[in-house]
Amino acid sequence: MEGLCVRFFTHEVMRHQGRPIHDWLFDQAKAQGINGGTAYRAHAGFGRHGLHEDTFFELAGTLPECVEFFAEAERIQALIRVVGEAGLGLAYFTYAVNYGVTGR
């Protein structure tokens, strides 16, 4: 099947509505009919919030995190709209993907 993948860039300390941002994103994705997603904790990253690295002296909760989903383009675009309407300023990118399940 053809669709889109979206990857949101966050920090592990980020929260929305009192919950970790990845949990909130998972719930929003489910509401759009997206069947799954994954949150990745990065070892290092830099961007508009500066450099953050996984070192002994790094403050807890400041490491970058990516939250990724793939589904039909319409569902991914709806998710991006919901995130924007919630007032979150998350950086993201999308790209076209072909996906399926092996063994079927």
PDB file of N, CA and C in Angstrom:
ATOM      1  N   MET A   1       0.848  -1.176   0.000  1.00  0.00           N
ATOM      2  CA  MET A   1       0.000   0.000   0.000  1.00  0.00           C
ATOM      3  C   MET A   1       0.891   1.235   0.000  1.00  0.00           C
ATOM      4  N   GLU A   2       0.360   2.312  -0.508  1.00  0.00           N
ATOM      5  CA  GLU A   2       1.103   3.567  -0.551  1.00  0.00           C
ATOM      6  C   GLU A   2       0.532   4.538   0.463  1.00  0.00           C
ATOM      7  N   GLY A   3       1.411   5.332   1.054  1.00  0.00           N
ATOM      8  CA  GLY A   3       0.964   6.311   2.030  1.00  0.00           C
ATOM      9  C   GLY A   3       2.071   7.276   2.361  1.00  0.00           C
ATOM     10  N   LEU A   4       1.957   7.874   3.535  1.00  0.00           N
ATOM     11  CA  LEU A   4       2.950   8.823   4.032  1.00  0.00           C
ATOM     12  C   LEU A   4       3.464   8.358   5.380  1.00  0.00           C
ATOM     13  N   CYS A   5       4.697   8.736   5.660  1.00  0.00           N
ATOM     14  CA  CYS A   5       5.268   8.589   6.989  1.00  0.00           C
ATOM     15  C   CYS A   5       5.501  10.002   7.514  1.00  0.00           C
ATOM     16  N   VAL A   6       5.167  10.231   8.764  1.00  0.00           N
ATOM     17  CA  VAL A   6       5.461  11.519   9.399  1.00  0.00           C
ATOM     18  C   VAL A   6       6.328  11.250  10.617  1.00  0.00           C
ATOM     19  N   ARG A   7       7.314  12.105  10.806  1.00  0.00           N
ATOM     20  CA  ARG A   7       8.180  12.030  11.986  1.00  0.00           C
ATOM     21  C   ARG A   7       8.147  13.396  12.674  1.00  0.00           C
ATOM     22  N   PHE A   8       7.689  13.396  13.928  1.00  0.00           N
ATOM     23  CA  PHE A   8       7.670  14.601  14.748  1.00  0.00           C
ATOM     24  C   PHE A   8       8.913  14.613  15.625  1.00  0.00           C
ATOM     25  N   PHE A   9       9.505  15.787  15.805  1.00  0.00           N
ATOM     26  CA  PHE A   9      10.695  15.938  16.640  1.00  0.00           C
ATOM     27  C   PHE A   9      10.294  16.647  17.924  1.00  0.00           C
ATOM     28  N   THR A  10      10.579  16.001  19.061  1.00  0.00           N
ATOM     29  CA  THR A  10      10.199  16.521  20.371  1.00  0.00           C
ATOM     30  C   THR A  10      11.394  16.370  21.312  1.00  0.00           C
ATOM     31  N   HIS A  11      11.162  16.656  22.584  1.00  0.00           N
ATOM     32  CA  HIS A  11      12.127  16.356  23.644  1.00  0.00           C
ATOM     33  C   HIS A  11      11.411  15.470  24.646  1.00  0.00           C
ATOM     34  N   GLU A  12      12.136  14.548  25.243  1.00  0.00           N
ATOM     35  CA  GLU A  12      11.496  13.586  26.136  1.00  0.00           C
ATOM     36  C   GLU A  12      10.804  14.249  27.326  1.00  0.00           C
ATOM     37  N   VAL A  13      11.158  15.465  27.672  1.00  0.00           N
ATOM     38  CA  VAL A  13      10.544  16.171  28.793  1.00  0.00           C
ATOM     39  C   VAL A  13       9.220  16.848  28.394  1.00  0.00           C
ATOM     40  N   MET A  14       8.955  16.970  27.096  1.00  0.00           N
ATOM     41  CA  MET A  14       7.754  17.689  26.638  1.00  0.00           C
ATOM     42  C   MET A  14       6.478  16.990  27.080  1.00  0.00           C
ATOM     43  N   ARG A  15       5.521  17.827  27.459  1.00  0.00           N
ATOM     44  CA  ARG A  15       4.224  17.324  27.883  1.00  0.00           C
ATOM     45  C   ARG A  15       3.148  18.172  27.205  1.00  0.00           C
ATOM     46  N   HIS A  16       1.978  17.573  27.021  1.00  0.00           N
ATOM     47  CA  HIS A  16       0.813  18.295  26.522  1.00  0.00           C
ATOM     48  C   HIS A  16      -0.399  17.760  27.266  1.00  0.00           C
ATOM     49  N   GLN A  17      -1.195  18.660  27.783  1.00  0.00           N
ATOM     50  CA  GLN A  17      -2.360  18.305  28.588  1.00  0.00           C
ATOM     51  C   GLN A  17      -1.964  17.384  29.742  1.00  0.00           C
ATOM     52  N   GLY A  18      -0.776  17.656  30.328  1.00  0.00           N
ATOM     53  CA  GLY A  18      -0.312  16.925  31.499  1.00  0.00           C
ATOM     54  C   GLY A  18       0.251  15.545  31.224  1.00  0.00           C
ATOM     55  N   ARG A  19       0.438  15.203  29.957  1.00  0.00           N
ATOM     56  CA  ARG A  19       0.908  13.861  29.589  1.00  0.00           C
ATOM     57  C   ARG A  19       2.172  13.963  28.757  1.00  0.00           C
ATOM     58  N   PRO A  20       3.008  12.931  28.762  1.00  0.00           N
ATOM     59  CA  PRO A  20       4.156  12.936  27.850  1.00  0.00           C
ATOM     60  C   PRO A  20       3.675  13.138  26.414  1.00  0.00           C
ATOM     61  N   ILE A  21       4.410  13.930  25.663  1.00  0.00           N
ATOM     62  CA  ILE A  21       3.971  14.293  24.309  1.00  0.00           C
ATOM     63  C   ILE A  21       3.771  13.067  23.431  1.00  0.00           C
ATOM     64  N   HIS A  22       4.625  12.045  23.577  1.00  0.00           N
ATOM     65  CA  HIS A  22       4.442  10.869  22.716  1.00  0.00           C
ATOM     66  C   HIS A  22       3.130  10.152  23.029  1.00  0.00           C
ATOM     67  N   ASP A  23       2.722  10.101  24.293  1.00  0.00           N
ATOM     68  CA  ASP A  23       1.430   9.491  24.637  1.00  0.00           C
ATOM     69  C   ASP A  23       0.279  10.262  24.010  1.00  0.00           C
ATOM     70  N   TRP A  24       0.350  11.595  24.094  1.00  0.00           N
ATOM     71  CA  TRP A  24      -0.691  12.429  23.494  1.00  0.00           C
ATOM     72  C   TRP A  24      -0.742  12.211  21.989  1.00  0.00           C
ATOM     73  N   LEU A  25       0.430  12.172  21.333  1.00  0.00           N
ATOM     74  CA  LEU A  25       0.471  11.929  19.887  1.00  0.00           C
ATOM     75  C   LEU A  25      -0.096  10.554  19.538  1.00  0.00           C
ATOM     76  N   PHE A  26       0.216   9.540  20.333  1.00  0.00           N
ATOM     77  CA  PHE A  26      -0.333   8.211  20.080  1.00  0.00           C
ATOM     78  C   PHE A  26      -1.859   8.242  20.105  1.00  0.00           C
ATOM     79  N   ASP A  27      -2.433   8.914  21.103  1.00  0.00           N
ATOM     80  CA  ASP A  27      -3.900   9.005  21.188  1.00  0.00           C
ATOM     81  C   ASP A  27      -4.492   9.743  19.994  1.00  0.00           C
ATOM     82  N   GLN A  28      -3.842  10.817  19.566  1.00  0.00           N
ATOM     83  CA  GLN A  28      -4.339  11.568  18.413  1.00  0.00           C
ATOM     84  C   GLN A  28      -4.256  10.722  17.143  1.00  0.00           C
ATOM     85  N   ALA A  29      -3.183   9.958  17.003  1.00  0.00           N
ATOM     86  CA  ALA A  29      -3.044   9.079  15.832  1.00  0.00           C
ATOM     87  C   ALA A  29      -4.148   8.017  15.833  1.00  0.00           C
ATOM     88  N   LYS A  30      -4.410   7.418  16.991  1.00  0.00           N
ATOM     89  CA  LYS A  30      -5.490   6.420  17.084  1.00  0.00           C
ATOM     90  C   LYS A  30      -6.815   7.034  16.667  1.00  0.00           C
ATOM     91  N   ALA A  31      -7.071   8.270  17.109  1.00  0.00           N
ATOM     92  CA  ALA A  31      -8.321   8.947  16.765  1.00  0.00           C
ATOM     93  C   ALA A  31      -8.452   9.186  15.260  1.00  0.00           C
ATOM     94  N   GLN A  32      -7.334   9.256  14.552  1.00  0.00           N
ATOM     95  CA  GLN A  32      -7.345   9.449  13.098  1.00  0.00           C
ATOM     96  C   GLN A  32      -7.362   8.118  12.356  1.00  0.00           C
ATOM     97  N   GLY A  33      -7.399   6.996  13.085  1.00  0.00           N
ATOM     98  CA  GLY A  33      -7.438   5.687  12.456  1.00  0.00           C
ATOM     99  C   GLY A  33      -6.079   5.147  12.062  1.00  0.00           C
ATOM    100  N   ILE A  34      -5.025   5.713  12.634  1.00  0.00           N
ATOM    101  CA  ILE A  34      -3.668   5.236  12.377  1.00  0.00           C
ATOM    102  C   ILE A  34      -3.408   4.074  13.325  1.00  0.00           C
ATOM    103  N   ASN A  35      -2.931   2.955  12.790  1.00  0.00           N
ATOM    104  CA  ASN A  35      -2.854   1.713  13.563  1.00  0.00           C
ATOM    105  C   ASN A  35      -1.667   1.588  14.493  1.00  0.00           C
ATOM    106  N   GLY A  36      -0.666   2.446  14.393  1.00  0.00           N
ATOM    107  CA  GLY A  36       0.478   2.316  15.285  1.00  0.00           C
ATOM    108  C   GLY A  36       1.466   3.442  15.098  1.00  0.00           C
ATOM    109  N   GLY A  37       2.386   3.534  16.018  1.00  0.00           N
ATOM    110  CA  GLY A  37       3.427   4.543  15.956  1.00  0.00           C
ATOM    111  C   GLY A  37       4.567   4.125  16.862  1.00  0.00           C
ATOM    112  N   THR A  38       5.681   4.817  16.728  1.00  0.00           N
ATOM    113  CA  THR A  38       6.866   4.491  17.512  1.00  0.00           C
ATOM    114  C   THR A  38       7.526   5.769  17.997  1.00  0.00           C
ATOM    115  N   ALA A  39       7.989   5.761  19.241  1.00  0.00           N
ATOM    116  CA  ALA A  39       8.768   6.872  19.788  1.00  0.00           C
ATOM    117  C   ALA A  39      10.206   6.394  19.940  1.00  0.00           C
ATOM    118  N   TYR A  40      11.139   7.204  19.440  1.00  0.00           N
ATOM    119  CA  TYR A  40      12.564   6.887  19.510  1.00  0.00           C
ATOM    120  C   TYR A  40      13.263   7.943  20.350  1.00  0.00           C
ATOM    121  N   ARG A  41      14.084   7.525  21.283  1.00  0.00           N
ATOM    122  CA  ARG A  41      14.910   8.447  22.063  1.00  0.00           C
ATOM    123  C   ARG A  41      16.263   8.532  21.376  1.00  0.00           C
ATOM    124  N   ALA A  42      16.718   9.733  21.107  1.00  0.00           N
ATOM    125  CA  ALA A  42      17.980   9.932  20.404  1.00  0.00           C
ATOM    126  C   ALA A  42      19.147  10.005  21.387  1.00  0.00           C
ATOM    127  N   HIS A  43      20.341   9.678  20.907  1.00  0.00           N
ATOM    128  CA  HIS A  43      21.564   9.812  21.705  1.00  0.00           C
ATOM    129  C   HIS A  43      22.070  11.238  21.674  1.00  0.00           C
ATOM    130  N   ALA A  44      21.779  11.930  20.586  1.00  0.00           N
ATOM    131  CA  ALA A  44      22.215  13.315  20.445  1.00  0.00           C
ATOM    132  C   ALA A  44      21.380  13.977  19.364  1.00  0.00           C
ATOM    133  N   GLY A  45      21.329  15.293  19.419  1.00  0.00           N
ATOM    134  CA  GLY A  45      20.631  16.039  18.386  1.00  0.00           C
ATOM    135  C   GLY A  45      20.864  17.523  18.572  1.00  0.00           C
ATOM    136  N   PHE A  46      20.727  18.256  17.464  1.00  0.00           N
ATOM    137  CA  PHE A  46      20.792  19.706  17.564  1.00  0.00           C
ATOM    138  C   PHE A  46      19.753  20.292  16.625  1.00  0.00           C
ATOM    139  N   GLY A  47      19.339  21.477  16.949  1.00  0.00           N
ATOM    140  CA  GLY A  47      18.319  22.165  16.164  1.00  0.00           C
ATOM    141  C   GLY A  47      18.033  23.497  16.800  1.00  0.00           C
ATOM    142  N   ARG A  48      16.798  23.938  16.670  1.00  0.00           N
ATOM    143  CA  ARG A  48      16.431  25.269  17.169  1.00  0.00           C
ATOM    144  C   ARG A  48      16.559  25.409  18.676  1.00  0.00           C
ATOM    145  N   HIS A  49      16.641  24.289  19.409  1.00  0.00           N
ATOM    146  CA  HIS A  49      16.811  24.343  20.860  1.00  0.00           C
ATOM    147  C   HIS A  49      18.249  24.061  21.286  1.00  0.00           C
ATOM    148  N   GLY A  50      19.175  24.071  20.338  1.00  0.00           N
ATOM    149  CA  GLY A  50      20.584  23.868  20.657  1.00  0.00           C
ATOM    150  C   GLY A  50      20.981  22.411  20.590  1.00  0.00           C
ATOM    151  N   LEU A  51      22.160  22.121  21.126  1.00  0.00           N
ATOM    152  CA  LEU A  51      22.732  20.775  21.121  1.00  0.00           C
ATOM    153  C   LEU A  51      22.376  20.051  22.407  1.00  0.00           C
ATOM    154  N   HIS A  52      21.958  18.801  22.264  1.00  0.00           N
ATOM    155  CA  HIS A  52      21.674  17.932  23.406  1.00  0.00           C
ATOM    156  C   HIS A  52      22.321  16.592  23.130  1.00  0.00           C
ATOM    157  N   GLU A  53      23.118  16.108  24.086  1.00  0.00           N
ATOM    158  CA  GLU A  53      23.817  14.841  23.926  1.00  0.00           C
ATOM    159  C   GLU A  53      23.604  13.965  25.149  1.00  0.00           C
ATOM    160  N   ASP A  54      23.674  12.666  24.928  1.00  0.00           N
ATOM    161  CA  ASP A  54      23.547  11.692  26.000  1.00  0.00           C
ATOM    162  C   ASP A  54      24.921  11.523  26.657  1.00  0.00           C
ATOM    163  N   THR A  55      25.206  12.379  27.635  1.00  0.00           N
ATOM    164  CA  THR A  55      26.469  12.320  28.359  1.00  0.00           C
ATOM    165  C   THR A  55      26.174  12.230  29.854  1.00  0.00           C
ATOM    166  N   PHE A  56      27.180  12.001  30.621  1.00  0.00           N
ATOM    167  CA  PHE A  56      27.021  11.905  32.067  1.00  0.00           C
ATOM    168  C   PHE A  56      26.413  13.181  32.651  1.00  0.00           C
ATOM    169  N   PHE A  57      26.745  14.332  32.082  1.00  0.00           N
ATOM    170  CA  PHE A  57      26.308  15.605  32.640  1.00  0.00           C
ATOM    171  C   PHE A  57      25.016  16.129  32.044  1.00  0.00           C
ATOM    172  N   GLU A  58      24.455  15.449  31.069  1.00  0.00           N
ATOM    173  CA  GLU A  58      23.211  15.898  30.444  1.00  0.00           C
ATOM    174  C   GLU A  58      22.085  15.857  31.468  1.00  0.00           C
ATOM    175  N   LEU A  59      21.283  16.895  31.478  1.00  0.00           N
ATOM    176  CA  LEU A  59      20.147  16.932  32.389  1.00  0.00           C
ATOM    177  C   LEU A  59      19.083  15.940  31.939  1.00  0.00           C
ATOM    178  N   ALA A  60      18.483  15.254  32.873  1.00  0.00           N
ATOM    179  CA  ALA A  60      17.460  14.268  32.550  1.00  0.00           C
ATOM    180  C   ALA A  60      16.299  14.926  31.814  1.00  0.00           C
ATOM    181  N   GLY A  61      15.806  14.241  30.824  1.00  0.00           N
ATOM    182  CA  GLY A  61      14.623  14.704  30.121  1.00  0.00           C
ATOM    183  C   GLY A  61      14.870  15.678  28.993  1.00  0.00           C
ATOM    184  N   THR A  62      16.110  15.996  28.688  1.00  0.00           N
ATOM    185  CA  THR A  62      16.359  16.993  27.643  1.00  0.00           C
ATOM    186  C   THR A  62      16.776  16.381  26.314  1.00  0.00           C
ATOM    187  N   LEU A  63      16.849  15.059  26.229  1.00  0.00           N
ATOM    188  CA  LEU A  63      17.272  14.435  24.984  1.00  0.00           C
ATOM    189  C   LEU A  63      16.164  14.491  23.928  1.00  0.00           C
ATOM    190  N   PRO A  64      16.568  14.562  22.661  1.00  0.00           N
ATOM    191  CA  PRO A  64      15.582  14.579  21.582  1.00  0.00           C
ATOM    192  C   PRO A  64      14.822  13.255  21.511  1.00  0.00           C
ATOM    193  N   GLU A  65      13.620  13.352  21.007  1.00  0.00           N
ATOM    194  CA  GLU A  65      12.781  12.178  20.813  1.00  0.00           C
ATOM    195  C   GLU A  65      12.077  12.352  19.469  1.00  0.00           C
ATOM    196  N   CYS A  66      11.955  11.285  18.717  1.00  0.00           N
ATOM    197  CA  CYS A  66      11.202  11.292  17.468  1.00  0.00           C
ATOM    198  C   CYS A  66       9.986  10.398  17.650  1.00  0.00           C
ATOM    199  N   VAL A  67       8.859  10.843  17.130  1.00  0.00           N
ATOM    200  CA  VAL A  67       7.643  10.049  17.173  1.00  0.00           C
ATOM    201  C   VAL A  67       7.171   9.902  15.735  1.00  0.00           C
ATOM    202  N   GLU A  68       7.011   8.656  15.287  1.00  0.00           N
ATOM    203  CA  GLU A  68       6.806   8.379  13.870  1.00  0.00           C
ATOM    204  C   GLU A  68       5.548   7.544  13.639  1.00  0.00           C
ATOM    205  N   PHE A  69       4.845   7.873  12.547  1.00  0.00           N
ATOM    206  CA  PHE A  69       3.637   7.152  12.146  1.00  0.00           C
ATOM    207  C   PHE A  69       3.643   6.992  10.630  1.00  0.00           C
ATOM    208  N   PHE A  70       2.997   5.945  10.132  1.00  0.00           N
ATOM    209  CA  PHE A  70       2.735   5.848   8.700  1.00  0.00           C
ATOM    210  C   PHE A  70       1.329   5.319   8.486  1.00  0.00           C
ATOM    211  N   ALA A  71       0.705   5.806   7.422  1.00  0.00           N
ATOM    212  CA  ALA A  71      -0.665   5.419   7.082  1.00  0.00           C
ATOM    213  C   ALA A  71      -1.016   6.068   5.751  1.00  0.00           C
ATOM    214  N   GLU A  72      -2.287   5.962   5.379  1.00  0.00           N
ATOM    215  CA  GLU A  72      -2.755   6.638   4.179  1.00  0.00           C
ATOM    216  C   GLU A  72      -2.495   8.140   4.326  1.00  0.00           C
ATOM    217  N   ALA A  73      -2.210   8.804   3.216  1.00  0.00           N
ATOM    218  CA  ALA A  73      -1.847  10.223   3.228  1.00  0.00           C
ATOM    219  C   ALA A  73      -2.896  11.074   3.944  1.00  0.00           C
ATOM    220  N   GLU A  74      -4.163  10.791   3.734  1.00  0.00           N
ATOM    221  CA  GLU A  74      -5.230  11.595   4.343  1.00  0.00           C
ATOM    222  C   GLU A  74      -5.189  11.514   5.864  1.00  0.00           C
ATOM    223  N   ARG A  75      -4.900  10.352   6.396  1.00  0.00           N
ATOM    224  CA  ARG A  75      -4.839  10.181   7.859  1.00  0.00           C
ATOM    225  C   ARG A  75      -3.633  10.926   8.442  1.00  0.00           C
ATOM    226  N   ILE A  76      -2.502  10.853   7.760  1.00  0.00           N
ATOM    227  CA  ILE A  76      -1.305  11.553   8.233  1.00  0.00           C
ATOM    228  C   ILE A  76      -1.526  13.064   8.170  1.00  0.00           C
ATOM    229  N   GLN A  77      -2.108  13.549   7.092  1.00  0.00           N
ATOM    230  CA  GLN A  77      -2.375  14.985   6.975  1.00  0.00           C
ATOM    231  C   GLN A  77      -3.353  15.455   8.044  1.00  0.00           C
ATOM    232  N   ALA A  78      -4.346  14.628   8.369  1.00  0.00           N
ATOM    233  CA  ALA A  78      -5.289  14.971   9.439  1.00  0.00           C
ATOM    234  C   ALA A  78      -4.571  15.036  10.783  1.00  0.00           C
ATOM    235  N   LEU A  79      -3.657  14.115  11.036  1.00  0.00           N
ATOM    236  CA  LEU A  79      -2.893  14.133  12.283  1.00  0.00           C
ATOM    237  C   LEU A  79      -2.062  15.410  12.387  1.00  0.00           C
ATOM    238  N   ILE A  80      -1.397  15.793  11.326  1.00  0.00           N
ATOM    239  CA  ILE A  80      -0.596  17.020  11.328  1.00  0.00           C
ATOM    240  C   ILE A  80      -1.478  18.227  11.627  1.00  0.00           C
ATOM    241  N   ARG A  81      -2.681  18.255  11.056  1.00  0.00           N
ATOM    242  CA  ARG A  81      -3.618  19.359  11.326  1.00  0.00           C
ATOM    243  C   ARG A  81      -3.996  19.408  12.804  1.00  0.00           C
ATOM    244  N   VAL A  82      -4.304  18.246  13.389  1.00  0.00           N
ATOM    245  CA  VAL A  82      -4.696  18.182  14.808  1.00  0.00           C
ATOM    246  C   VAL A  82      -3.568  18.695  15.696  1.00  0.00           C
ATOM    247  N   VAL A  83      -2.341  18.291  15.401  1.00  0.00           N
ATOM    248  CA  VAL A  83      -1.192  18.737  16.189  1.00  0.00           C
ATOM    249  C   VAL A  83      -1.049  20.252  16.092  1.00  0.00           C
ATOM    250  N   GLY A  84      -1.193  20.802  14.898  1.00  0.00           N
ATOM    251  CA  GLY A  84      -1.120  22.256  14.728  1.00  0.00           C
ATOM    252  C   GLY A  84      -2.234  22.982  15.451  1.00  0.00           C
ATOM    253  N   GLU A  85      -3.450  22.451  15.370  1.00  0.00           N
ATOM    254  CA  GLU A  85      -4.596  23.076  16.033  1.00  0.00           C
ATOM    255  C   GLU A  85      -4.474  23.034  17.550  1.00  0.00           C
ATOM    256  N   ALA A  86      -3.688  22.083  18.076  1.00  0.00           N
ATOM    257  CA  ALA A  86      -3.471  21.987  19.524  1.00  0.00           C
ATOM    258  C   ALA A  86      -2.462  23.023  20.008  1.00  0.00           C
ATOM    259  N   GLY A  87      -1.881  23.784  19.068  1.00  0.00           N
ATOM    260  CA  GLY A  87      -0.943  24.835  19.440  1.00  0.00           C
ATOM    261  C   GLY A  87       0.478  24.358  19.655  1.00  0.00           C
ATOM    262  N   LEU A  88       0.770  23.128  19.266  1.00  0.00           N
ATOM    263  CA  LEU A  88       2.118  22.595  19.438  1.00  0.00           C
ATOM    264  C   LEU A  88       2.990  23.032  18.264  1.00  0.00           C
ATOM    265  N   GLY A  89       4.175  23.510  18.561  1.00  0.00           N
ATOM    266  CA  GLY A  89       5.105  23.937  17.521  1.00  0.00           C
ATOM    267  C   GLY A  89       6.139  22.863  17.248  1.00  0.00           C
ATOM    268  N   LEU A  90       5.699  21.685  16.831  1.00  0.00           N
ATOM    269  CA  LEU A  90       6.615  20.575  16.617  1.00  0.00           C
ATOM    270  C   LEU A  90       7.165  20.598  15.196  1.00  0.00           C
ATOM    271  N   ALA A  91       8.471  20.444  15.072  1.00  0.00           N
ATOM    272  CA  ALA A  91       9.062  20.252  13.750  1.00  0.00           C
ATOM    273  C   ALA A  91       8.703  18.845  13.289  1.00  0.00           C
ATOM    274  N   TYR A  92       8.487  18.683  11.984  1.00  0.00           N
ATOM    275  CA  TYR A  92       8.158  17.369  11.441  1.00  0.00           C
ATOM    276  C   TYR A  92       8.582  17.301   9.986  1.00  0.00           C
ATOM    277  N   PHE A  93       8.655  16.089   9.471  1.00  0.00           N
ATOM    278  CA  PHE A  93       8.768  15.909   8.032  1.00  0.00           C
ATOM    279  C   PHE A  93       7.923  14.718   7.629  1.00  0.00           C
ATOM    280  N   THR A  94       7.564  14.691   6.354  1.00  0.00           N
ATOM    281  CA  THR A  94       6.823  13.565   5.789  1.00  0.00           C
ATOM    282  C   THR A  94       7.564  13.063   4.560  1.00  0.00           C
ATOM    283  N   TYR A  95       7.337  11.813   4.234  1.00  0.00           N
ATOM    284  CA  TYR A  95       7.842  11.258   2.989  1.00  0.00           C
ATOM    285  C   TYR A  95       6.935  10.110   2.568  1.00  0.00           C
ATOM    286  N   ALA A  96       6.917   9.876   1.250  1.00  0.00           N
ATOM    287  CA  ALA A  96       6.092   8.807   0.697  1.00  0.00           C
ATOM    288  C   ALA A  96       6.683   7.457   1.068  1.00  0.00           C
ATOM    289  N   VAL A  97       5.809   6.501   1.387  1.00  0.00           N
ATOM    290  CA  VAL A  97       6.246   5.148   1.732  1.00  0.00           C
ATOM    291  C   VAL A  97       5.331   4.122   1.061  1.00  0.00           C
ATOM    292  N   ASN A  98       5.883   2.950   0.858  1.00  0.00           N
ATOM    293  CA  ASN A  98       5.115   1.757   0.512  1.00  0.00           C
ATOM    294  C   ASN A  98       5.191   0.857   1.724  1.00  0.00           C
ATOM    295  N   TYR A  99       4.054   0.333   2.170  1.00  0.00           N
ATOM    296  CA  TYR A  99       4.061  -0.476   3.382  1.00  0.00           C
ATOM    297  C   TYR A  99       3.131  -1.671   3.265  1.00  0.00           C
ATOM    298  N   GLY A 100       3.342  -2.631   4.122  1.00  0.00           N
ATOM    299  CA  GLY A 100       2.531  -3.819   4.151  1.00  0.00           C
ATOM    300  C   GLY A 100       2.932  -4.688   5.330  1.00  0.00           C
ATOM    301  N   VAL A 101       2.463  -5.908   5.340  1.00  0.00           N
ATOM    302  CA  VAL A 101       2.768  -6.878   6.381  1.00  0.00           C
ATOM    303  C   VAL A 101       3.310  -8.122   5.697  1.00  0.00           C
ATOM    304  N   THR A 102       4.429  -8.640   6.161  1.00  0.00           N
ATOM    305  CA  THR A 102       5.003  -9.828   5.555  1.00  0.00           C
ATOM    306  C   THR A 102       4.178 -11.068   5.923  1.00  0.00           C
ATOM    307  N   GLY A 103       4.286 -12.104   5.114  1.00  0.00           N
ATOM    308  CA  GLY A 103       3.641 -13.360   5.422  1.00  0.00           C
ATOM    309  C   GLY A 103       2.170 -13.433   5.078  1.00  0.00           C
ATOM    310  N   ARG A 104       1.664 -12.456   4.338  1.00  0.00           N
ATOM    311  CA  ARG A 104       0.238 -12.482   3.983  1.00  0.00           C
ATOM    312  C   ARG A 104       0.062 -12.703   2.510  1.00  0.00           C
TER     313      ARG A 104
END
